[in-house]
């Protein structure tokens, strides 16, 4: 007769869930918000799949004895450390990983290594419900768009159509098709990889065959999405814009996904015939499962019905949940002057300020911002954008143009770090890149001014956010971006000279508006 779960243990589980909801409330809200995006709706099915896979292992779980393990506290301590890194750096991905580690540590401590080993696959599969970081997401979207459009053009040419590509725009002569984010293939790129993982799990074959099956989902998704783009180009001459929107657009996506799944299933059939597995491996595996577990130390008192390791985990969670409340009240560092007072004349440049649309302001969650076009006497333009936050936390942190601009259709070519000389004669390292969309070209400089430090990537900003949050109780910062368009026959060197000149005049004024610098 199976022993029912004890009342104290049930109470401990409820306390665990309550503390987790306190620690990760904003993280769960963010996760559910991302699941609402078209590219991640598959995530709703992952918890159901994980629950089914665990239920399927119920008999194996029952056969394994409970073995309380102190080693389970190691992932718990790592989870707490990751939690603080995510909280101080304002990074949701770290928070997701922290919750996963915390759950693994709790299961390991309560059930033991062997029981956890039985459900190791579904536990690891749970990670696939977490969307990738936005920097990776936008970069991947851009690369998939470019690869899919490039292969799609080759397919169109093989079908006898005149087609060539400019960035993510396909010119067919009679029309121009832009491969937007929705057509990047990302909408079934991740689901297909998850399906590949599930098929590999159920596939009875060597490890290299399983790995090959999963990895093959990547090129399959790219090629089949290119087929979808090529089909739109072919049918556009007969159906017009209806081939690229509405029912046909959605149906073609579903149809291509089913083709991709069919290719994976055919792969499995072929892999079964290649180097068939030797008989007897199952018996060897069964032999290992019969290895006895050494007797465990028995506990007296209340610890006979509730794990002492689990009590320690609850205490660690409670302490962290209480401590994080003080961290959430970090100082908000005000600007020296609001951007509304930023001068409209910068050296020889005259500016005209602009306003961001409310939909962008709601998403960016900024404290203040500057958006202005500056023109010189020759009519050349430099767009300046500064986004300032008085403190940075999860969902309220600096965003890199390298992740935002590709989402608007721009391709960043040849990004690099260059050294500029500021007004005081000191070298300053900033990012430089050429922006391309179709025939348009723009040169951009961008950097992060984080409490006086000029930084060039988000990893640096996250690192110094952690350090300054602890040592200075400050996480204020800004992202600065300068863009100048290139005329039709203008060389990048001429545009570079223009940006350098403007930077020399613009940066000292900007520094006088931002909060005082930390001592570097």
Protein backbone atom coordinates (compact mmCIF):
# COMPACT_ATOMS: atom_id res chain seq x y z
CA UNK A 1 0.00 0.00 0.00
CA UNK A 2 1.43 3.36 -0.98
CA UNK A 3 2.08 5.84 1.74
CA UNK A 4 0.14 9.08 1.26
CA UNK A 5 2.01 12.35 1.40
CA UNK A 6 2.24 13.65 4.97
CA UNK A 7 0.43 16.78 6.06
CA UNK A 8 3.66 18.56 7.11
CA UNK A 9 5.23 17.79 3.73
CA UNK A 10 2.13 19.10 1.94
CA UNK A 11 2.34 22.25 4.02
CA UNK A 12 6.02 22.59 3.12
CA UNK A 13 5.20 22.34 -0.58
CA UNK A 14 2.56 25.05 -0.23
CA UNK A 15 5.06 27.30 1.58
CA UNK A 16 7.57 26.63 -1.22
CA UNK A 17 5.02 27.75 -3.82
CA UNK A 18 4.09 30.88 -1.86
CA UNK A 19 7.74 31.90 -1.40
CA UNK A 20 8.46 31.19 -5.07
CA UNK A 21 5.52 33.39 -6.09
CA UNK A 22 6.94 36.21 -3.94
CA UNK A 23 10.48 35.84 -5.28
CA UNK A 24 9.58 35.34 -8.93
CA UNK A 25 6.28 37.19 -9.30
CA UNK A 26 7.54 39.71 -11.87
CA UNK A 27 9.42 36.93 -13.63
CA UNK A 28 6.28 34.84 -14.05
CA UNK A 29 4.34 37.89 -15.28
CA UNK A 30 7.05 38.56 -17.86
CA UNK A 31 7.08 34.91 -18.91
CA UNK A 32 3.33 34.80 -19.50
CA UNK A 33 3.56 38.05 -21.44
CA UNK A 34 6.17 36.55 -23.77
CA UNK A 35 4.05 33.42 -24.23
CA UNK A 36 1.42 35.70 -25.73
CA UNK A 37 3.77 36.56 -28.62
CA UNK A 38 3.14 34.59 -31.81
CA UNK A 39 6.70 33.21 -31.83
CA UNK A 40 6.33 31.62 -28.37
CA UNK A 41 2.74 30.35 -28.18
CA UNK A 42 4.13 26.81 -28.29
CA UNK A 43 5.37 27.40 -24.72
CA UNK A 44 1.83 26.93 -23.39
CA UNK A 45 2.08 23.24 -24.33
CA UNK A 46 5.45 22.58 -22.67
CA UNK A 47 4.08 22.28 -19.08
CA UNK A 48 1.47 19.81 -20.35
CA UNK A 49 4.13 17.75 -22.13
CA UNK A 50 6.39 17.82 -19.06
CA UNK A 51 3.51 16.71 -16.80
CA UNK A 52 2.65 13.86 -19.19
CA UNK A 53 6.26 12.64 -19.37
CA UNK A 54 6.49 12.61 -15.57
CA UNK A 55 3.15 10.79 -15.30
CA UNK A 56 4.42 8.24 -17.83
CA UNK A 57 7.33 7.51 -15.48
CA UNK A 58 5.08 7.01 -12.44
CA UNK A 59 5.80 3.27 -12.22
CA UNK A 60 9.58 3.77 -12.39
CA UNK A 61 9.32 6.52 -9.79
CA UNK A 62 7.40 4.23 -7.44
CA UNK A 63 10.07 1.52 -7.73
CA UNK A 64 12.89 3.87 -6.70
CA UNK A 65 13.23 4.44 -2.94
CA UNK A 66 13.18 7.91 -1.43
CA UNK A 67 16.72 9.01 -0.62
CA UNK A 68 17.12 12.41 1.00
CA UNK A 69 20.26 14.02 -0.35
CA UNK A 70 22.34 16.88 1.00
CA UNK A 71 23.86 17.32 -2.47
CA UNK A 72 20.54 18.86 -3.52
CA UNK A 73 21.48 21.98 -1.59
CA UNK A 74 24.24 22.73 -4.10
CA UNK A 75 21.88 23.69 -6.99
CA UNK A 76 19.77 25.57 -4.42
CA UNK A 77 22.74 27.71 -3.38
CA UNK A 78 23.57 28.23 -7.05
CA UNK A 79 19.93 29.21 -7.64
CA UNK A 80 20.08 31.84 -4.88
CA UNK A 81 23.30 33.26 -6.33
CA UNK A 82 21.79 33.34 -9.83
CA UNK A 83 18.67 34.98 -8.41
CA UNK A 84 20.64 37.86 -6.95
CA UNK A 85 22.63 38.26 -10.16
CA UNK A 86 19.38 38.44 -12.13
CA UNK A 87 17.77 40.82 -9.65
CA UNK A 88 20.71 43.22 -9.48
CA UNK A 89 21.51 43.06 -13.21
CA UNK A 90 17.85 43.30 -14.25
CA UNK A 91 18.00 40.12 -16.35
CA UNK A 92 14.91 37.92 -16.58
CA UNK A 93 16.71 35.00 -18.21
CA UNK A 94 18.86 34.55 -15.10
CA UNK A 95 15.72 34.66 -12.97
CA UNK A 96 14.13 31.87 -15.04
CA UNK A 97 17.26 29.75 -14.70
CA UNK A 98 17.35 30.48 -10.97
CA UNK A 99 13.81 29.16 -10.47
CA UNK A 100 14.63 26.04 -12.48
CA UNK A 101 17.76 25.38 -10.36
CA UNK A 102 15.76 25.95 -7.19
CA UNK A 103 13.14 23.42 -8.28
CA UNK A 104 15.82 20.87 -9.25
CA UNK A 105 17.54 21.32 -5.90
CA UNK A 106 14.28 20.85 -3.99
CA UNK A 107 13.42 17.68 -5.93
CA UNK A 108 16.94 16.32 -5.45
CA UNK A 109 16.86 17.02 -1.70
CA UNK A 110 13.44 15.48 -1.14
CA UNK A 111 13.48 12.49 -3.52
CA UNK A 112 17.15 11.75 -4.04
CA UNK A 113 19.36 11.37 -7.07
CA UNK A 114 17.83 8.17 -8.43
CA UNK A 115 14.23 9.38 -8.40
CA UNK A 116 15.32 12.66 -9.96
CA UNK A 117 17.24 10.70 -12.57
CA UNK A 118 14.02 8.96 -13.61
CA UNK A 119 12.39 12.28 -14.52
CA UNK A 120 15.60 14.05 -15.60
CA UNK A 121 14.46 14.47 -19.21
CA UNK A 122 11.10 16.19 -18.54
CA UNK A 123 12.75 18.36 -15.89
CA UNK A 124 15.35 19.53 -18.42
CA UNK A 125 12.68 19.89 -21.12
CA UNK A 126 10.97 22.47 -18.89
CA UNK A 127 13.75 24.90 -19.85
CA UNK A 128 12.37 25.08 -23.40
CA UNK A 129 9.33 27.01 -22.18
CA UNK A 130 11.58 30.00 -21.43
CA UNK A 131 12.02 32.46 -24.34
CA UNK A 132 15.62 33.36 -25.20
CA UNK A 133 17.06 36.74 -24.15
CA UNK A 134 15.84 39.55 -26.37
CA UNK A 135 19.36 40.25 -27.64
CA UNK A 136 19.60 36.66 -28.88
CA UNK A 137 16.00 36.73 -30.12
CA UNK A 138 16.41 39.80 -32.33
CA UNK A 139 19.80 38.66 -33.59
CA UNK A 140 18.43 35.24 -34.46
CA UNK A 141 15.40 36.79 -36.17
CA UNK A 142 17.66 38.90 -38.35
CA UNK A 143 19.93 36.01 -39.33
CA UNK A 144 16.99 33.75 -40.14
CA UNK A 145 15.40 36.46 -42.28
CA UNK A 146 18.61 36.94 -44.24
CA UNK A 147 19.30 33.23 -44.71
CA UNK A 148 15.71 32.42 -45.63
CA UNK A 149 15.48 35.28 -48.13
CA UNK A 150 18.83 34.34 -49.68
CA UNK A 151 17.86 30.69 -50.14
CA UNK A 152 14.37 31.76 -51.26
CA UNK A 153 15.89 33.89 -54.04
CA UNK A 154 17.93 30.88 -55.25
CA UNK A 155 14.75 28.78 -55.33
CA UNK A 156 12.91 31.49 -57.27
CA UNK A 157 15.75 31.68 -59.79
CA UNK A 158 15.71 27.90 -60.20
CA UNK A 159 12.00 28.20 -61.01
CA UNK A 160 12.85 30.63 -63.82
CA UNK A 161 11.88 33.89 -62.12
CA UNK A 162 14.10 36.98 -62.17
CA UNK A 163 14.85 37.74 -58.53
CA UNK A 164 17.59 39.36 -56.54
CA UNK A 165 17.98 40.32 -52.89
CA UNK A 166 18.79 43.58 -51.11
CA UNK A 167 19.09 42.80 -47.42
CA UNK A 168 15.76 41.25 -46.47
CA UNK A 169 13.95 42.67 -49.54
CA UNK A 170 13.39 40.41 -52.58
CA UNK A 171 12.96 42.22 -55.90
CA UNK A 172 10.93 40.17 -58.40
CA UNK A 173 10.69 42.88 -61.04
CA UNK A 174 6.90 43.06 -60.92
CA UNK A 175 6.92 43.56 -57.13
CA UNK A 176 9.19 43.78 -54.07
CA UNK A 177 8.69 41.39 -51.15
CA UNK A 178 10.02 42.31 -47.72
CA UNK A 179 10.85 39.38 -45.44
CA UNK A 180 9.55 40.74 -42.14
CA UNK A 181 9.97 39.28 -38.66
CA UNK A 182 6.80 37.18 -39.00
CA UNK A 183 8.34 35.45 -42.04
CA UNK A 184 11.74 34.83 -40.46
CA UNK A 185 10.74 31.26 -39.66
CA UNK A 186 11.30 31.79 -35.95
CA UNK A 187 7.63 31.02 -35.32
CA UNK A 188 8.29 27.34 -35.94
CA UNK A 189 12.08 27.32 -35.52
CA UNK A 190 11.86 26.75 -31.76
CA UNK A 191 8.82 24.42 -31.87
CA UNK A 192 10.57 22.25 -34.45
CA UNK A 193 13.67 21.98 -32.28
CA UNK A 194 11.51 21.01 -29.30
CA UNK A 195 9.78 18.39 -31.44
CA UNK A 196 13.21 17.15 -32.53
CA UNK A 197 14.20 16.78 -28.87
CA UNK A 198 11.00 14.85 -28.10
CA UNK A 199 11.45 12.57 -31.11
CA UNK A 200 15.06 11.93 -30.13
CA UNK A 201 13.91 11.04 -26.60
CA UNK A 202 11.53 8.37 -27.84
CA UNK A 203 13.87 7.22 -30.62
CA UNK A 204 15.58 3.91 -29.83
CA UNK A 205 19.03 4.46 -31.21
CA UNK A 206 22.60 5.51 -30.53
CA UNK A 207 23.35 8.88 -28.97
CA UNK A 208 24.89 10.25 -32.16
CA UNK A 209 21.65 9.50 -34.00
CA UNK A 210 19.63 11.40 -31.40
CA UNK A 211 21.98 14.39 -31.57
CA UNK A 212 21.88 14.34 -35.37
CA UNK A 213 18.07 14.29 -35.30
CA UNK A 214 17.89 17.34 -33.03
CA UNK A 215 20.53 19.35 -34.90
CA UNK A 216 18.95 18.58 -38.26
CA UNK A 217 15.84 20.48 -37.17
CA UNK A 218 17.80 23.74 -37.58
CA UNK A 219 18.60 23.50 -41.34
CA UNK A 220 15.23 21.88 -42.00
CA UNK A 221 13.39 24.86 -40.51
CA UNK A 222 15.51 27.32 -42.53
CA UNK A 223 15.13 25.50 -45.86
CA UNK A 224 11.40 24.89 -45.47
CA UNK A 225 10.84 28.52 -44.52
CA UNK A 226 12.76 29.49 -47.68
CA UNK A 227 10.34 27.27 -49.62
CA UNK A 228 7.48 29.22 -48.06
CA UNK A 229 9.01 32.54 -49.11
CA UNK A 230 9.67 31.24 -52.63
CA UNK A 231 6.07 30.00 -52.91
CA UNK A 232 4.83 33.49 -52.03
CA UNK A 233 6.99 34.94 -54.80
CA UNK A 234 5.69 32.41 -57.34
CA UNK A 235 2.03 32.82 -56.41
CA UNK A 236 2.22 36.60 -56.09
CA UNK A 237 2.07 36.99 -59.86
CA UNK A 238 -1.27 35.12 -59.87
CA UNK A 239 -2.84 36.04 -56.51
CA UNK A 240 -1.35 39.45 -55.80
CA UNK A 241 -0.97 40.54 -52.18
CA UNK A 242 -3.33 37.76 -51.03
CA UNK A 243 -0.41 35.35 -51.40
CA UNK A 244 1.52 37.16 -48.65
CA UNK A 245 -1.23 37.84 -46.12
CA UNK A 246 -4.44 36.56 -44.58
CA UNK A 247 -5.52 32.94 -44.73
CA UNK A 248 -2.95 31.79 -47.28
CA UNK A 249 -0.09 33.25 -45.25
CA UNK A 250 -1.20 31.45 -42.08
CA UNK A 251 -2.04 28.22 -43.90
CA UNK A 252 1.33 28.15 -45.67
CA UNK A 253 3.09 28.49 -42.32
CA UNK A 254 1.15 25.55 -40.88
CA UNK A 255 1.67 23.48 -44.04
CA UNK A 256 5.44 24.11 -44.07
CA UNK A 257 5.65 23.14 -40.39
CA UNK A 258 3.92 19.83 -41.12
CA UNK A 259 6.35 19.21 -43.99
CA UNK A 260 9.25 19.87 -41.58
CA UNK A 261 7.80 17.39 -39.09
CA UNK A 262 7.39 14.84 -41.87
CA UNK A 263 11.05 15.24 -42.82
CA UNK A 264 12.09 14.58 -39.22
CA UNK A 265 9.98 11.42 -39.13
CA UNK A 266 11.55 10.20 -42.38
CA UNK A 267 14.94 10.90 -40.87
CA UNK A 268 14.09 8.64 -37.94
CA UNK A 269 13.11 5.85 -40.33
CA UNK A 270 16.39 6.18 -42.22
CA UNK A 271 18.50 6.34 -39.06
CA UNK A 272 16.95 3.08 -37.87
CA UNK A 273 18.34 1.36 -40.95
CA UNK A 274 21.82 2.86 -40.60
CA UNK A 275 24.11 0.85 -38.29
CA UNK A 276 21.31 -0.96 -36.37
CA UNK A 277 21.80 -1.20 -32.62
CA UNK A 278 23.20 -4.37 -31.08
CA UNK A 279 20.88 -6.58 -29.10
CA UNK A 280 21.42 -6.71 -25.40
CA UNK A 281 21.89 -3.08 -24.52
CA UNK A 282 18.57 -3.04 -22.67
CA UNK A 283 19.71 -5.90 -20.46
CA UNK A 284 22.88 -4.00 -19.58
CA UNK A 285 20.84 -0.93 -18.67
CA UNK A 286 18.55 -3.07 -16.54
CA UNK A 287 21.57 -4.46 -14.67
CA UNK A 288 22.63 -0.96 -13.65
CA UNK A 289 19.14 -0.14 -12.42
CA UNK A 290 19.39 -3.02 -9.93
CA UNK A 291 22.42 -1.60 -8.10
CA UNK A 292 21.39 -1.31 -4.44
CA UNK A 293 21.40 2.01 -2.61
CA UNK A 294 23.29 2.14 0.70
CA UNK A 295 21.02 2.45 3.75
CA UNK A 296 20.14 6.02 4.66
CA UNK A 297 20.41 7.64 8.03
CA UNK A 298 17.06 7.66 9.80
CA UNK A 299 15.77 10.88 11.33
CA UNK A 300 13.85 11.22 14.56
CA UNK A 301 11.13 13.63 15.55
CA UNK A 302 9.43 15.81 12.91
CA UNK A 303 12.23 15.16 10.40
CA UNK A 304 10.87 11.64 9.90
CA UNK A 305 7.93 13.12 8.01
CA UNK A 306 9.52 16.23 6.47
CA UNK A 307 12.98 16.54 4.98
CA UNK A 308 15.46 18.62 6.97
CA UNK A 309 17.02 19.62 3.64
CA UNK A 310 13.65 20.94 2.50
CA UNK A 311 13.32 23.00 5.69
CA UNK A 312 16.71 24.57 4.96
CA UNK A 313 15.58 25.38 1.40
CA UNK A 314 12.43 27.08 2.73
CA UNK A 315 14.51 29.14 5.17
CA UNK A 316 16.86 30.23 2.37
CA UNK A 317 13.89 31.20 0.20
CA UNK A 318 12.23 33.12 3.03
CA UNK A 319 15.43 35.02 3.80
CA UNK A 320 15.93 35.87 0.13
CA UNK A 321 12.31 36.97 -0.33
CA UNK A 322 12.63 39.30 2.66
CA UNK A 323 16.03 40.67 1.64
CA UNK A 324 14.99 41.41 -1.94
CA UNK A 325 12.34 43.86 -0.71
CA UNK A 326 15.07 46.22 0.50
CA UNK A 327 16.95 45.85 -2.77
CA UNK A 328 13.84 46.77 -4.74
CA UNK A 329 13.89 50.14 -2.98
CA UNK A 330 17.18 51.20 -4.56
CA UNK A 331 17.90 54.88 -4.87
CA UNK A 332 16.52 56.59 -7.94
CA UNK A 333 19.22 58.94 -9.17
CA UNK A 334 17.82 62.09 -10.75
CA UNK A 335 19.33 63.84 -13.75
CA UNK A 336 21.13 67.14 -13.25
CA UNK A 337 18.72 68.77 -15.74
CA UNK A 338 15.76 67.38 -17.70
CA UNK A 339 16.15 66.74 -21.42
CA UNK A 340 13.44 69.31 -22.08
CA UNK A 341 16.18 71.90 -21.38
CA UNK A 342 18.64 70.31 -23.81
CA UNK A 343 19.84 73.04 -26.21
CA UNK A 344 18.53 73.09 -29.75
CA UNK A 345 21.91 74.31 -30.96
CA UNK A 346 24.98 72.10 -30.66
CA UNK A 347 27.98 73.85 -32.16
CA UNK A 348 27.13 74.46 -35.80
CA UNK A 349 24.14 72.11 -35.68
CA UNK A 350 20.54 73.23 -35.18
CA UNK A 351 18.13 70.70 -33.75
CA UNK A 352 14.45 69.95 -33.79
CA UNK A 353 13.13 67.80 -30.96
CA UNK A 354 10.67 64.98 -31.54
CA UNK A 355 8.37 62.86 -29.39
CA UNK A 356 8.24 59.09 -29.15
CA UNK A 357 4.87 57.47 -29.67
CA UNK A 358 3.13 56.37 -26.50
CA UNK A 359 3.25 52.69 -27.50
CA UNK A 360 7.07 52.88 -27.52
CA UNK A 361 7.18 54.79 -24.24
CA UNK A 362 5.02 52.14 -22.58
CA UNK A 363 7.40 49.42 -23.72
CA UNK A 364 10.66 51.23 -22.92
CA UNK A 365 9.58 52.47 -19.48
CA UNK A 366 12.03 55.41 -19.52
CA UNK A 367 12.51 58.15 -16.95
CA UNK A 368 13.44 60.74 -19.59
CA UNK A 369 14.61 60.76 -23.18
CA UNK A 370 16.00 63.00 -25.91
CA UNK A 371 15.05 62.52 -29.56
CA UNK A 372 16.12 65.21 -32.00
CA UNK A 373 17.31 65.76 -35.56
CA UNK A 374 20.26 68.13 -35.88
CA UNK A 375 21.11 69.78 -39.22
CA UNK A 376 24.17 71.72 -40.28
CA UNK A 377 24.43 74.48 -42.85
CA UNK A 378 24.77 71.94 -45.67
CA UNK A 379 21.48 70.26 -44.74
CA UNK A 380 23.16 67.09 -43.45
CA UNK A 381 21.27 65.39 -40.62
CA UNK A 382 22.29 63.58 -37.44
CA UNK A 383 19.58 61.93 -35.38
CA UNK A 384 20.37 61.82 -31.67
CA UNK A 385 18.57 59.58 -29.22
CA UNK A 386 19.30 59.27 -25.50
CA UNK A 387 17.22 56.98 -23.27
CA UNK A 388 17.71 57.51 -19.51
CA UNK A 389 16.49 55.40 -16.56
CA UNK A 390 16.91 56.64 -13.00
CA UNK A 391 17.31 53.03 -11.93
CA UNK A 392 17.55 49.82 -13.93
CA UNK A 393 15.84 46.60 -12.95
CA UNK A 394 14.10 43.66 -14.61
CA UNK A 395 12.14 45.01 -17.56
CA UNK A 396 13.59 48.47 -17.09
CA UNK A 397 17.14 48.41 -18.42
CA UNK A 398 19.12 49.81 -21.31
CA UNK A 399 18.43 48.23 -24.69
CA UNK A 400 21.06 47.83 -27.36
CA UNK A 401 20.40 49.10 -30.91
CA UNK A 402 21.96 45.82 -32.02
CA UNK A 403 18.79 44.13 -30.75
CA UNK A 404 16.20 46.85 -31.46
CA UNK A 405 17.15 48.07 -34.94
CA UNK A 406 17.00 44.61 -36.61
CA UNK A 407 13.47 44.34 -35.25
CA UNK A 408 12.64 47.44 -37.34
CA UNK A 409 13.99 45.92 -40.53
CA UNK A 410 17.51 47.36 -40.40
CA UNK A 411 20.57 45.17 -40.95
CA UNK A 412 23.68 46.12 -38.97
CA UNK A 413 26.73 45.59 -41.17
CA UNK A 414 30.34 45.42 -39.98
CA UNK A 415 29.74 46.34 -36.31
CA UNK A 416 32.96 47.22 -34.52
CA UNK A 417 34.34 49.17 -31.57
CA UNK A 418 36.23 52.34 -32.39
CA UNK A 419 38.13 54.89 -30.31
CA UNK A 420 37.05 58.54 -30.34
CA UNK A 421 38.62 61.53 -28.61
CA UNK A 422 36.32 63.50 -26.32
CA UNK A 423 36.46 67.25 -25.69
CA UNK A 424 39.02 66.76 -22.90
CA UNK A 425 41.37 64.82 -25.14
CA UNK A 426 40.65 61.40 -23.57
CA UNK A 427 39.95 58.30 -25.72
CA UNK A 428 36.39 56.96 -25.64
CA UNK A 429 35.40 53.53 -27.01
CA UNK A 430 32.00 53.41 -28.78
CA UNK A 431 30.20 51.03 -31.14
CA UNK A 432 30.14 51.81 -34.84
CA UNK A 433 27.99 50.07 -37.47
CA UNK A 434 26.50 50.62 -40.91
CA UNK A 435 22.70 50.33 -41.03
CA UNK A 436 21.24 48.97 -44.28
CA UNK A 437 17.63 48.49 -45.35
CA UNK A 438 17.15 48.06 -49.07
CA UNK A 439 19.05 50.89 -50.75
CA UNK A 440 19.13 53.07 -47.63
CA UNK A 441 22.41 53.44 -45.74
CA UNK A 442 23.04 55.05 -42.38
CA UNK A 443 26.07 55.20 -40.13
CA UNK A 444 25.54 54.92 -36.39
CA UNK A 445 27.54 55.34 -33.19
CA UNK A 446 26.06 54.00 -29.97
CA UNK A 447 27.23 53.44 -26.43
CA UNK A 448 26.01 53.15 -22.84
CA UNK A 449 26.69 55.89 -20.31
CA UNK A 450 26.38 54.06 -17.02
CA UNK A 451 27.08 56.37 -14.09
CA UNK A 452 29.92 58.02 -16.00
CA UNK A 453 31.35 54.86 -17.52
CA UNK A 454 31.25 54.64 -21.31
CA UNK A 455 30.44 50.99 -22.06
CA UNK A 456 29.90 49.21 -25.36
CA UNK A 457 27.86 46.06 -24.67
CA UNK A 458 25.04 44.85 -22.48
CA UNK A 459 27.23 42.33 -20.66
CA UNK A 460 29.32 45.19 -19.29
CA UNK A 461 26.22 47.10 -18.22
CA UNK A 462 24.82 44.07 -16.40
CA UNK A 463 28.13 43.46 -14.63
CA UNK A 464 28.50 47.05 -13.44
CA UNK A 465 24.82 47.15 -12.47
CA UNK A 466 25.53 44.33 -10.04
CA UNK A 467 28.68 45.99 -8.67
CA UNK A 468 27.22 49.50 -8.33
CA UNK A 469 23.93 48.23 -6.92
CA UNK A 470 25.87 46.68 -4.03
CA UNK A 471 28.54 49.33 -3.52
CA UNK A 472 26.68 52.54 -4.46
CA UNK A 473 23.00 51.59 -4.32
CA UNK A 474 22.77 53.05 -7.86
CA UNK A 475 21.81 51.51 -11.19
CA UNK A 476 20.91 54.61 -13.21
CA UNK A 477 22.11 54.64 -16.79
CA UNK A 478 21.45 55.69 -20.36
CA UNK A 479 21.85 54.47 -23.92
CA UNK A 480 23.11 56.98 -26.48
CA UNK A 481 22.71 56.58 -30.24
CA UNK A 482 23.75 58.89 -33.08
CA UNK A 483 22.70 58.17 -36.68
CA UNK A 484 23.48 60.00 -39.89
CA UNK A 485 22.05 58.98 -43.30
CA UNK A 486 24.38 58.65 -46.28
CA UNK A 487 23.60 60.35 -49.56
CA UNK A 488 23.39 58.17 -52.67
CA UNK A 489 27.07 58.47 -53.64
CA UNK A 490 28.46 59.48 -50.26
CA UNK A 491 31.27 57.38 -48.83
CA UNK A 492 31.23 56.06 -45.24
CA UNK A 493 34.43 58.01 -44.53
CA UNK A 494 32.66 61.34 -45.14
CA UNK A 495 29.77 60.32 -42.88
CA UNK A 496 32.30 59.20 -40.26
CA UNK A 497 33.94 62.62 -40.23
CA UNK A 498 30.52 64.21 -39.74
CA UNK A 499 29.65 61.96 -36.80
CA UNK A 500 33.03 62.49 -35.11
CA UNK A 501 32.62 66.26 -35.34
CA UNK A 502 29.12 66.11 -33.86
CA UNK A 503 30.22 63.73 -31.08
CA UNK A 504 32.93 66.18 -29.96
CA UNK A 505 30.30 68.90 -29.53
CA UNK A 506 27.39 66.77 -28.33
CA UNK A 507 28.94 64.54 -25.65
CA UNK A 508 30.14 67.30 -23.24
CA UNK A 509 26.65 68.84 -23.23
CA UNK A 510 25.06 65.43 -22.65
CA UNK A 511 27.36 64.75 -19.69
CA UNK A 512 26.15 67.93 -17.99
CA UNK A 513 22.57 66.59 -18.05
CA UNK A 514 23.22 63.06 -16.80
CA UNK A 515 23.70 62.29 -13.08
CA UNK A 516 27.12 62.84 -11.57
CA UNK A 517 29.68 60.21 -12.43
CA UNK A 518 30.99 57.59 -10.04
CA UNK A 519 34.67 57.65 -9.19
CA UNK A 520 36.23 55.30 -11.77
